[in-house]
Structure formats: structure tokens, C-alpha cells
N, C-alpha and C. Protein backbone atom coordinates (compact mmCIF):
# COMPACT_ATOMS: atom_id res chain seq x y z
N UNK A 1 52.65 156.84 144.46
CA UNK A 1 53.83 156.03 144.70
C UNK A 1 53.40 154.79 145.47
N UNK A 2 53.91 153.65 145.11
CA UNK A 2 53.54 152.42 145.78
C UNK A 2 54.16 152.36 147.17
N UNK A 3 53.54 151.61 148.09
CA UNK A 3 54.09 151.52 149.45
C UNK A 3 55.51 150.98 149.47
N UNK A 4 55.86 150.11 148.55
CA UNK A 4 57.20 149.54 148.52
C UNK A 4 58.26 150.59 148.20
N UNK A 5 57.85 151.68 147.55
CA UNK A 5 58.81 152.69 147.15
C UNK A 5 58.71 153.97 147.98
N UNK A 6 57.83 153.97 148.98
CA UNK A 6 57.69 155.19 149.78
C UNK A 6 58.93 155.42 150.62
N UNK A 7 59.26 156.69 150.83
CA UNK A 7 60.45 157.06 151.57
C UNK A 7 60.03 157.49 152.97
N UNK A 8 60.57 156.86 154.00
CA UNK A 8 60.22 157.27 155.35
C UNK A 8 60.73 158.67 155.64
N UNK A 9 60.04 159.42 156.52
CA UNK A 9 60.43 160.81 156.76
C UNK A 9 61.74 160.97 157.51
N UNK A 10 62.20 159.96 158.22
CA UNK A 10 63.43 160.10 158.98
C UNK A 10 64.64 160.16 158.05
N UNK A 11 65.72 160.68 158.55
CA UNK A 11 66.95 160.79 157.76
C UNK A 11 67.82 159.57 157.95
N UNK A 12 69.11 159.76 157.76
CA UNK A 12 70.07 158.70 157.99
C UNK A 12 70.42 157.93 156.74
N UNK A 13 71.22 156.92 156.93
CA UNK A 13 71.74 156.11 155.83
C UNK A 13 70.61 155.42 155.08
N UNK A 14 69.64 154.87 155.82
CA UNK A 14 68.54 154.17 155.18
C UNK A 14 67.80 155.11 154.22
N UNK A 15 67.52 156.30 154.68
CA UNK A 15 66.83 157.29 153.87
C UNK A 15 67.66 157.65 152.63
N UNK A 16 68.93 157.89 152.81
CA UNK A 16 69.81 158.26 151.69
C UNK A 16 69.86 157.14 150.65
N UNK A 17 69.95 155.92 151.12
CA UNK A 17 70.00 154.79 150.19
C UNK A 17 68.70 154.67 149.40
N UNK A 18 67.57 154.78 150.08
CA UNK A 18 66.27 154.69 149.40
C UNK A 18 66.11 155.81 148.37
N UNK A 19 66.49 157.00 148.75
CA UNK A 19 66.38 158.14 147.85
C UNK A 19 67.26 157.93 146.61
N UNK A 20 68.45 157.44 146.81
CA UNK A 20 69.36 157.20 145.68
C UNK A 20 68.87 156.06 144.80
N UNK A 21 68.26 155.04 145.40
CA UNK A 21 67.66 153.96 144.60
C UNK A 21 66.56 154.51 143.71
N UNK A 22 65.70 155.34 144.29
CA UNK A 22 64.60 155.92 143.52
C UNK A 22 65.11 156.82 142.41
N UNK A 23 66.17 157.56 142.67
CA UNK A 23 66.76 158.42 141.64
C UNK A 23 67.28 157.58 140.48
N UNK A 24 67.94 156.47 140.80
CA UNK A 24 68.47 155.58 139.76
C UNK A 24 67.33 154.95 138.97
N UNK A 25 66.34 154.42 139.65
CA UNK A 25 65.20 153.79 138.97
C UNK A 25 64.50 154.80 138.07
N UNK A 26 64.30 156.00 138.55
CA UNK A 26 63.65 157.04 137.76
C UNK A 26 64.45 157.34 136.49
N UNK A 27 65.76 157.44 136.61
CA UNK A 27 66.61 157.72 135.44
C UNK A 27 66.57 156.58 134.42
N UNK A 28 66.59 155.36 134.91
CA UNK A 28 66.54 154.20 134.01
C UNK A 28 65.19 154.13 133.29
N UNK A 29 64.11 154.31 134.04
CA UNK A 29 62.78 154.28 133.42
C UNK A 29 62.61 155.41 132.40
N UNK A 30 63.11 156.59 132.70
CA UNK A 30 63.02 157.69 131.75
C UNK A 30 63.75 157.35 130.46
N UNK A 31 64.92 156.73 130.58
CA UNK A 31 65.71 156.31 129.42
C UNK A 31 64.91 155.31 128.59
N UNK A 32 64.32 154.32 129.27
CA UNK A 32 63.54 153.29 128.58
C UNK A 32 62.26 153.87 127.98
N UNK A 33 61.57 154.71 128.74
CA UNK A 33 60.32 155.30 128.24
C UNK A 33 60.54 156.12 126.98
N UNK A 34 61.67 156.79 126.91
CA UNK A 34 62.00 157.60 125.73
C UNK A 34 62.58 156.76 124.59
N UNK A 35 62.73 155.45 124.85
CA UNK A 35 63.26 154.51 123.85
C UNK A 35 64.63 154.95 123.33
N UNK A 36 65.43 155.50 124.24
CA UNK A 36 66.74 156.01 123.84
C UNK A 36 67.70 154.90 123.46
N UNK A 37 67.47 153.69 123.98
CA UNK A 37 68.31 152.57 123.56
C UNK A 37 68.15 152.32 122.07
N UNK A 38 66.91 152.36 121.59
CA UNK A 38 66.64 152.16 120.16
C UNK A 38 67.22 153.31 119.33
N UNK A 39 67.09 154.51 119.86
CA UNK A 39 67.61 155.67 119.15
C UNK A 39 69.14 155.60 119.04
N UNK A 40 69.79 155.17 120.11
CA UNK A 40 71.24 155.03 120.09
C UNK A 40 71.68 153.96 119.08
N UNK A 41 70.96 152.86 119.05
CA UNK A 41 71.26 151.81 118.06
C UNK A 41 71.10 152.36 116.65
N UNK A 42 70.04 153.12 116.43
CA UNK A 42 69.80 153.70 115.11
C UNK A 42 70.94 154.63 114.70
N UNK A 43 71.40 155.45 115.65
CA UNK A 43 72.50 156.38 115.35
C UNK A 43 73.79 155.62 115.07
N UNK A 44 74.06 154.60 115.86
CA UNK A 44 75.34 153.89 115.77
C UNK A 44 75.39 152.80 114.70
N UNK A 45 74.27 152.49 114.12
CA UNK A 45 74.17 151.37 113.18
C UNK A 45 75.22 151.41 112.07
N UNK A 46 75.49 152.58 111.53
CA UNK A 46 76.44 152.68 110.41
C UNK A 46 77.87 152.95 110.88
N UNK A 47 78.06 153.07 112.20
CA UNK A 47 79.40 153.29 112.73
C UNK A 47 79.90 154.72 112.63
N UNK A 48 79.02 155.62 112.19
CA UNK A 48 79.40 157.02 112.03
C UNK A 48 78.33 157.89 112.69
N UNK A 49 78.77 158.88 113.44
CA UNK A 49 77.84 159.85 114.01
C UNK A 49 77.92 161.09 113.13
N UNK A 50 76.90 161.26 112.31
CA UNK A 50 76.89 162.38 111.37
C UNK A 50 76.52 163.67 112.10
N UNK A 51 76.72 164.78 111.42
CA UNK A 51 76.40 166.09 112.01
C UNK A 51 74.93 166.18 112.38
N UNK A 52 74.05 165.62 111.56
CA UNK A 52 72.62 165.70 111.87
C UNK A 52 72.23 164.75 113.01
N UNK A 53 73.08 163.78 113.33
CA UNK A 53 72.83 162.88 114.46
C UNK A 53 73.50 163.34 115.75
N UNK A 54 74.43 164.26 115.65
CA UNK A 54 75.26 164.66 116.80
C UNK A 54 74.43 165.15 117.98
N UNK A 55 73.46 166.00 117.76
CA UNK A 55 72.65 166.54 118.86
C UNK A 55 71.89 165.43 119.58
N UNK A 56 71.28 164.54 118.82
CA UNK A 56 70.56 163.40 119.41
C UNK A 56 71.53 162.53 120.21
N UNK A 57 72.69 162.24 119.63
CA UNK A 57 73.69 161.42 120.30
C UNK A 57 74.14 162.06 121.61
N UNK A 58 74.44 163.34 121.58
CA UNK A 58 74.88 164.04 122.79
C UNK A 58 73.80 164.03 123.87
N UNK A 59 72.54 164.15 123.48
CA UNK A 59 71.42 164.11 124.44
C UNK A 59 71.34 162.73 125.09
N UNK A 60 71.52 161.68 124.31
CA UNK A 60 71.49 160.31 124.84
C UNK A 60 72.66 160.07 125.78
N UNK A 61 73.84 160.52 125.39
CA UNK A 61 75.02 160.36 126.24
C UNK A 61 74.82 161.08 127.57
N UNK A 62 74.20 162.23 127.55
CA UNK A 62 73.92 162.96 128.79
C UNK A 62 72.97 162.16 129.69
N UNK A 63 71.99 161.52 129.11
CA UNK A 63 71.08 160.66 129.90
C UNK A 63 71.84 159.48 130.49
N UNK A 64 72.76 158.90 129.72
CA UNK A 64 73.57 157.80 130.23
C UNK A 64 74.46 158.27 131.37
N UNK A 65 74.99 159.46 131.25
CA UNK A 65 75.79 160.04 132.35
C UNK A 65 74.94 160.22 133.61
N UNK A 66 73.69 160.62 133.45
CA UNK A 66 72.78 160.78 134.58
C UNK A 66 72.55 159.44 135.27
N UNK A 67 72.34 158.40 134.48
CA UNK A 67 72.15 157.05 135.04
C UNK A 67 73.41 156.60 135.76
N UNK A 68 74.55 156.82 135.13
CA UNK A 68 75.83 156.43 135.73
C UNK A 68 76.07 157.16 137.05
N UNK A 69 75.80 158.46 137.08
CA UNK A 69 75.98 159.23 138.31
C UNK A 69 75.05 158.74 139.41
N UNK A 70 73.82 158.40 139.05
CA UNK A 70 72.88 157.88 140.05
C UNK A 70 73.34 156.53 140.59
N UNK A 71 73.91 155.69 139.73
CA UNK A 71 74.42 154.38 140.18
C UNK A 71 75.63 154.55 141.09
N UNK A 72 76.52 155.47 140.75
CA UNK A 72 77.69 155.73 141.58
C UNK A 72 77.26 156.29 142.94
N UNK A 73 76.30 157.20 142.93
CA UNK A 73 75.80 157.77 144.19
C UNK A 73 75.21 156.68 145.07
N UNK A 74 74.47 155.76 144.48
CA UNK A 74 73.90 154.65 145.26
C UNK A 74 74.99 153.76 145.82
N UNK A 75 75.99 153.47 145.01
CA UNK A 75 77.09 152.61 145.46
C UNK A 75 77.91 153.25 146.57
N UNK A 76 77.87 154.58 146.67
CA UNK A 76 78.68 155.27 147.66
C UNK A 76 78.00 155.40 149.03
N UNK A 77 76.73 154.98 149.13
CA UNK A 77 76.04 155.05 150.42
C UNK A 77 76.63 153.99 151.34
N UNK A 78 77.08 154.39 152.52
CA UNK A 78 77.63 153.39 153.46
C UNK A 78 76.59 152.35 153.82
N UNK A 79 77.02 151.14 153.94
CA UNK A 79 76.12 150.05 154.33
C UNK A 79 76.04 149.98 155.84
N UNK A 80 74.83 149.97 156.33
CA UNK A 80 74.65 149.79 157.78
C UNK A 80 74.90 148.35 158.14
N UNK A 81 75.28 148.12 159.32
CA UNK A 81 75.55 146.73 159.61
C UNK A 81 75.59 146.43 160.98
């Protein structure tokens, strides 16, 4: 892990925010690494989700939900000030 992304051992708001940022970044990179954006475009191209595409589509939607949940969790961390 690079020094810029290391998580300090102490707790608190700063720690929670850093951890949630890393969770979000990890989810986004996993989505991109798996090229799920391209797969979703391929499935949606004809405007119909066929039975043989349904499982792939549901898997992609679940990954999008994971990214969304990570973004919401990050947004919910109180800002220190």
C-alpha cells in the first residue's frame, strides 16, 4: 500500500473517513478491472435483458450497489472542523 493510502492506527473520524475512502476506491477499481462497464453496455445495447443475460446483469447491479453503499458511507462521515 502506498504511503498516501496508509491508514493510521488511531481511531476517530479521520480514521473512519480514510477507511471509507479506501473501501470506495477499492470497489470502483474492482468494477473497472473486471470491465463491468463494458459488459453492462453489451447487455443493454439492444434495450432488452434476455434470460441468458439476467445473471450477468444482476451481478453487475450488485457491484454498482456496493459502490453506491461505499459512497453513501463516505458521505455520512461527520466532517471535523
